């Protein structure tokens, strides 16, 4: 009996919010409710969690768009929480899970990818994305 052909796995790349699978981006306009508050995007939530200063968290939550939220989160005018490196992966997983639980169309899109590999094609990010040369961790 001949071997059963194995279907090639296609890699799904996403990055900017104007490309295919842009919904997977943390910048995509899909809000979530976490910790008793509404967050405009998962990026807003992620960036705010870097800080224990509740006023600064609120400033990030109220940011008009995810780019502004990201810039506020990258600022070091307010100190990062000491445990950030230990918790950042869990913060991200929690926010992304909530996004797909909240928005049925996103859940359907994710399920439609089957067993395909999903990669954040972020050329400057070797932790969350694949980096410029594909060697990133793609967390």
C-alpha atoms as a PDB file:
ATOM      1  CA  UNK A   1       0.000   0.000   0.000  1.00  0.00           C
ATOM      2  CA  UNK A   2       1.460   3.444  -0.939  1.00  0.00           C
ATOM      3  CA  UNK A   3       2.131   5.938   1.858  1.00  0.00           C
ATOM      4  CA  UNK A   4      -0.591   8.444   2.613  1.00  0.00           C
ATOM      5  CA  UNK A   5       0.559  11.887   1.463  1.00  0.00           C
ATOM      6  CA  UNK A   6       1.092  14.369   4.256  1.00  0.00           C
ATOM      7  CA  UNK A   7      -0.460  17.717   3.560  1.00  0.00           C
ATOM      8  CA  UNK A   8       2.095  20.514   3.580  1.00  0.00           C
ATOM      9  CA  UNK A   9       1.719  22.925   6.448  1.00  0.00           C
ATOM     10  CA  UNK A  10       1.319  26.494   5.328  1.00  0.00           C
ATOM     11  CA  UNK A  11       2.639  29.244   7.525  1.00  0.00           C
ATOM     12  CA  UNK A  12       0.212  32.084   8.211  1.00  0.00           C
ATOM     13  CA  UNK A  13       1.978  35.391   8.661  1.00  0.00           C
ATOM     14  CA  UNK A  14       0.373  38.455  10.214  1.00  0.00           C
ATOM     15  CA  UNK A  15       1.670  41.810  11.294  1.00  0.00           C
ATOM     16  CA  UNK A  16       0.014  45.034  10.176  1.00  0.00           C
ATOM     17  CA  UNK A  17      -3.681  45.713  10.509  1.00  0.00           C
ATOM     18  CA  UNK A  18      -4.203  46.085   6.748  1.00  0.00           C
ATOM     19  CA  UNK A  19      -3.008  42.621   5.692  1.00  0.00           C
ATOM     20  CA  UNK A  20      -4.536  39.150   5.718  1.00  0.00           C
ATOM     21  CA  UNK A  21      -5.030  37.797   9.224  1.00  0.00           C
ATOM     22  CA  UNK A  22      -4.552  41.283  10.631  1.00  0.00           C
ATOM     23  CA  UNK A  23      -7.176  40.356  13.212  1.00  0.00           C
ATOM     24  CA  UNK A  24      -4.490  38.368  15.024  1.00  0.00           C
ATOM     25  CA  UNK A  25      -2.507  41.528  15.753  1.00  0.00           C
ATOM     26  CA  UNK A  26      -2.737  43.053  19.218  1.00  0.00           C
ATOM     27  CA  UNK A  27      -3.298  46.353  17.397  1.00  0.00           C
ATOM     28  CA  UNK A  28      -6.480  45.039  15.718  1.00  0.00           C
ATOM     29  CA  UNK A  29      -9.605  46.929  16.812  1.00  0.00           C
ATOM     30  CA  UNK A  30     -11.173  44.221  18.957  1.00  0.00           C
ATOM     31  CA  UNK A  31     -11.758  45.251  22.540  1.00  0.00           C
ATOM     32  CA  UNK A  32     -11.788  43.053  25.605  1.00  0.00           C
ATOM     33  CA  UNK A  33     -13.096  43.238  29.128  1.00  0.00           C
ATOM     34  CA  UNK A  34     -10.526  42.208  31.699  1.00  0.00           C
ATOM     35  CA  UNK A  35     -10.023  43.098  35.343  1.00  0.00           C
ATOM     36  CA  UNK A  36     -13.438  44.787  35.383  1.00  0.00           C
ATOM     37  CA  UNK A  37     -12.540  47.295  32.657  1.00  0.00           C
ATOM     38  CA  UNK A  38     -12.978  47.640  28.908  1.00  0.00           C
ATOM     39  CA  UNK A  39      -9.779  47.814  26.868  1.00  0.00           C
ATOM     40  CA  UNK A  40      -9.885  49.073  23.265  1.00  0.00           C
ATOM     41  CA  UNK A  41      -7.340  46.497  22.118  1.00  0.00           C
ATOM     42  CA  UNK A  42      -5.236  43.749  23.612  1.00  0.00           C
ATOM     43  CA  UNK A  43      -2.269  46.084  23.060  1.00  0.00           C
ATOM     44  CA  UNK A  44      -3.840  48.599  25.446  1.00  0.00           C
ATOM     45  CA  UNK A  45      -4.231  45.899  28.083  1.00  0.00           C
ATOM     46  CA  UNK A  46      -0.741  44.471  27.611  1.00  0.00           C
ATOM     47  CA  UNK A  47       1.002  47.832  27.812  1.00  0.00           C
ATOM     48  CA  UNK A  48      -0.923  48.931  30.912  1.00  0.00           C
ATOM     49  CA  UNK A  49      -0.018  45.760  32.783  1.00  0.00           C
ATOM     50  CA  UNK A  50       3.661  46.737  32.712  1.00  0.00           C
ATOM     51  CA  UNK A  51       2.995  49.231  35.495  1.00  0.00           C
ATOM     52  CA  UNK A  52       1.652  49.188  39.031  1.00  0.00           C
ATOM     53  CA  UNK A  53       0.840  52.915  38.921  1.00  0.00           C
ATOM     54  CA  UNK A  54      -2.943  52.827  38.448  1.00  0.00           C
ATOM     55  CA  UNK A  55      -3.098  56.394  37.114  1.00  0.00           C
ATOM     56  CA  UNK A  56      -0.601  55.487  34.408  1.00  0.00           C
ATOM     57  CA  UNK A  57      -2.473  52.265  33.641  1.00  0.00           C
ATOM     58  CA  UNK A  58      -5.600  54.357  33.160  1.00  0.00           C
ATOM     59  CA  UNK A  59      -3.755  56.774  30.879  1.00  0.00           C
ATOM     60  CA  UNK A  60      -2.782  53.823  28.695  1.00  0.00           C
ATOM     61  CA  UNK A  61      -6.303  52.369  28.829  1.00  0.00           C
ATOM     62  CA  UNK A  62      -7.703  55.690  27.623  1.00  0.00           C
ATOM     63  CA  UNK A  63      -5.171  56.058  24.789  1.00  0.00           C
ATOM     64  CA  UNK A  64      -7.013  56.822  21.540  1.00  0.00           C
ATOM     65  CA  UNK A  65      -5.304  54.048  19.575  1.00  0.00           C
ATOM     66  CA  UNK A  66      -2.985  51.065  20.101  1.00  0.00           C
ATOM     67  CA  UNK A  67       0.078  52.876  18.762  1.00  0.00           C
ATOM     68  CA  UNK A  68      -0.303  55.545  21.437  1.00  0.00           C
ATOM     69  CA  UNK A  69      -0.850  52.835  24.057  1.00  0.00           C
ATOM     70  CA  UNK A  70       2.323  51.075  22.880  1.00  0.00           C
ATOM     71  CA  UNK A  71       4.350  54.280  23.016  1.00  0.00           C
ATOM     72  CA  UNK A  72       3.120  54.976  26.549  1.00  0.00           C
ATOM     73  CA  UNK A  73       3.986  51.423  27.542  1.00  0.00           C
ATOM     74  CA  UNK A  74       7.492  51.754  26.143  1.00  0.00           C
ATOM     75  CA  UNK A  75       8.132  54.931  28.097  1.00  0.00           C
ATOM     76  CA  UNK A  76      10.299  54.558  31.148  1.00  0.00           C
ATOM     77  CA  UNK A  77       9.097  57.770  32.791  1.00  0.00           C
ATOM     78  CA  UNK A  78       7.153  55.457  35.104  1.00  0.00           C
ATOM     79  CA  UNK A  79       9.007  52.417  36.458  1.00  0.00           C
ATOM     80  CA  UNK A  80       8.122  48.966  35.161  1.00  0.00           C
ATOM     81  CA  UNK A  81       6.769  46.531  37.672  1.00  0.00           C
ATOM     82  CA  UNK A  82       9.601  44.392  39.028  1.00  0.00           C
ATOM     83  CA  UNK A  83       8.016  41.101  37.994  1.00  0.00           C
ATOM     84  CA  UNK A  84       7.231  42.157  34.399  1.00  0.00           C
ATOM     85  CA  UNK A  85       9.651  39.752  32.723  1.00  0.00           C
ATOM     86  CA  UNK A  86       8.170  36.905  34.782  1.00  0.00           C
ATOM     87  CA  UNK A  87       4.530  37.643  33.967  1.00  0.00           C
ATOM     88  CA  UNK A  88       4.497  39.198  30.484  1.00  0.00           C
ATOM     89  CA  UNK A  89       3.840  35.916  28.652  1.00  0.00           C
ATOM     90  CA  UNK A  90       0.875  35.111  30.904  1.00  0.00           C
ATOM     91  CA  UNK A  91      -0.483  38.653  30.517  1.00  0.00           C
ATOM     92  CA  UNK A  92      -0.365  38.248  26.748  1.00  0.00           C
ATOM     93  CA  UNK A  93      -1.947  34.783  26.753  1.00  0.00           C
ATOM     94  CA  UNK A  94      -4.749  36.000  28.995  1.00  0.00           C
ATOM     95  CA  UNK A  95      -5.516  39.019  26.786  1.00  0.00           C
ATOM     96  CA  UNK A  96      -5.342  37.110  23.500  1.00  0.00           C
ATOM     97  CA  UNK A  97      -7.495  34.289  24.849  1.00  0.00           C
ATOM     98  CA  UNK A  98     -10.084  36.818  25.999  1.00  0.00           C
ATOM     99  CA  UNK A  99     -10.048  38.472  22.561  1.00  0.00           C
ATOM    100  CA  UNK A 100     -10.866  35.192  20.822  1.00  0.00           C
ATOM    101  CA  UNK A 101     -13.467  34.281  23.455  1.00  0.00           C
ATOM    102  CA  UNK A 102     -15.151  37.676  23.092  1.00  0.00           C
ATOM    103  CA  UNK A 103     -15.344  37.952  19.313  1.00  0.00           C
ATOM    104  CA  UNK A 104     -17.006  34.991  17.582  1.00  0.00           C
ATOM    105  CA  UNK A 105     -15.725  35.989  14.136  1.00  0.00           C
ATOM    106  CA  UNK A 106     -12.151  35.896  15.435  1.00  0.00           C
ATOM    107  CA  UNK A 107     -12.692  32.515  17.023  1.00  0.00           C
ATOM    108  CA  UNK A 108     -13.990  31.198  13.687  1.00  0.00           C
ATOM    109  CA  UNK A 109     -11.032  32.682  11.829  1.00  0.00           C
ATOM    110  CA  UNK A 110      -8.582  31.099  14.258  1.00  0.00           C
ATOM    111  CA  UNK A 111     -10.286  27.702  14.040  1.00  0.00           C
ATOM    112  CA  UNK A 112     -10.215  27.949  10.237  1.00  0.00           C
ATOM    113  CA  UNK A 113      -6.408  27.988  10.332  1.00  0.00           C
ATOM    114  CA  UNK A 114      -6.422  24.350  11.455  1.00  0.00           C
ATOM    115  CA  UNK A 115      -2.928  23.140  12.227  1.00  0.00           C
ATOM    116  CA  UNK A 116      -1.170  25.863  10.271  1.00  0.00           C
ATOM    117  CA  UNK A 117       1.700  27.640  11.959  1.00  0.00           C
ATOM    118  CA  UNK A 118       0.829  31.252  12.870  1.00  0.00           C
ATOM    119  CA  UNK A 119       3.717  33.713  12.891  1.00  0.00           C
ATOM    120  CA  UNK A 120       3.865  37.374  13.823  1.00  0.00           C
ATOM    121  CA  UNK A 121       5.976  38.715  10.971  1.00  0.00           C
ATOM    122  CA  UNK A 122       7.502  41.505  13.046  1.00  0.00           C
ATOM    123  CA  UNK A 123      10.927  42.249  11.566  1.00  0.00           C
ATOM    124  CA  UNK A 124      12.161  44.186  14.596  1.00  0.00           C
ATOM    125  CA  UNK A 125      10.831  41.840  17.254  1.00  0.00           C
ATOM    126  CA  UNK A 126      12.751  38.678  18.049  1.00  0.00           C
ATOM    127  CA  UNK A 127      10.695  37.828  21.138  1.00  0.00           C
ATOM    128  CA  UNK A 128       7.018  38.209  20.212  1.00  0.00           C
ATOM    129  CA  UNK A 129       7.661  37.921  16.470  1.00  0.00           C
ATOM    130  CA  UNK A 130       9.891  36.068  14.043  1.00  0.00           C
ATOM    131  CA  UNK A 131      12.359  38.928  13.577  1.00  0.00           C
ATOM    132  CA  UNK A 132      13.890  40.077  10.319  1.00  0.00           C
ATOM    133  CA  UNK A 133      15.621  36.780   9.594  1.00  0.00           C
ATOM    134  CA  UNK A 134      12.968  34.375  10.936  1.00  0.00           C
ATOM    135  CA  UNK A 135      15.020  33.369  13.962  1.00  0.00           C
ATOM    136  CA  UNK A 136      12.746  35.062  16.509  1.00  0.00           C
ATOM    137  CA  UNK A 137      10.893  33.158  19.214  1.00  0.00           C
ATOM    138  CA  UNK A 138       7.390  34.102  17.913  1.00  0.00           C
ATOM    139  CA  UNK A 139       5.960  33.915  21.419  1.00  0.00           C
END
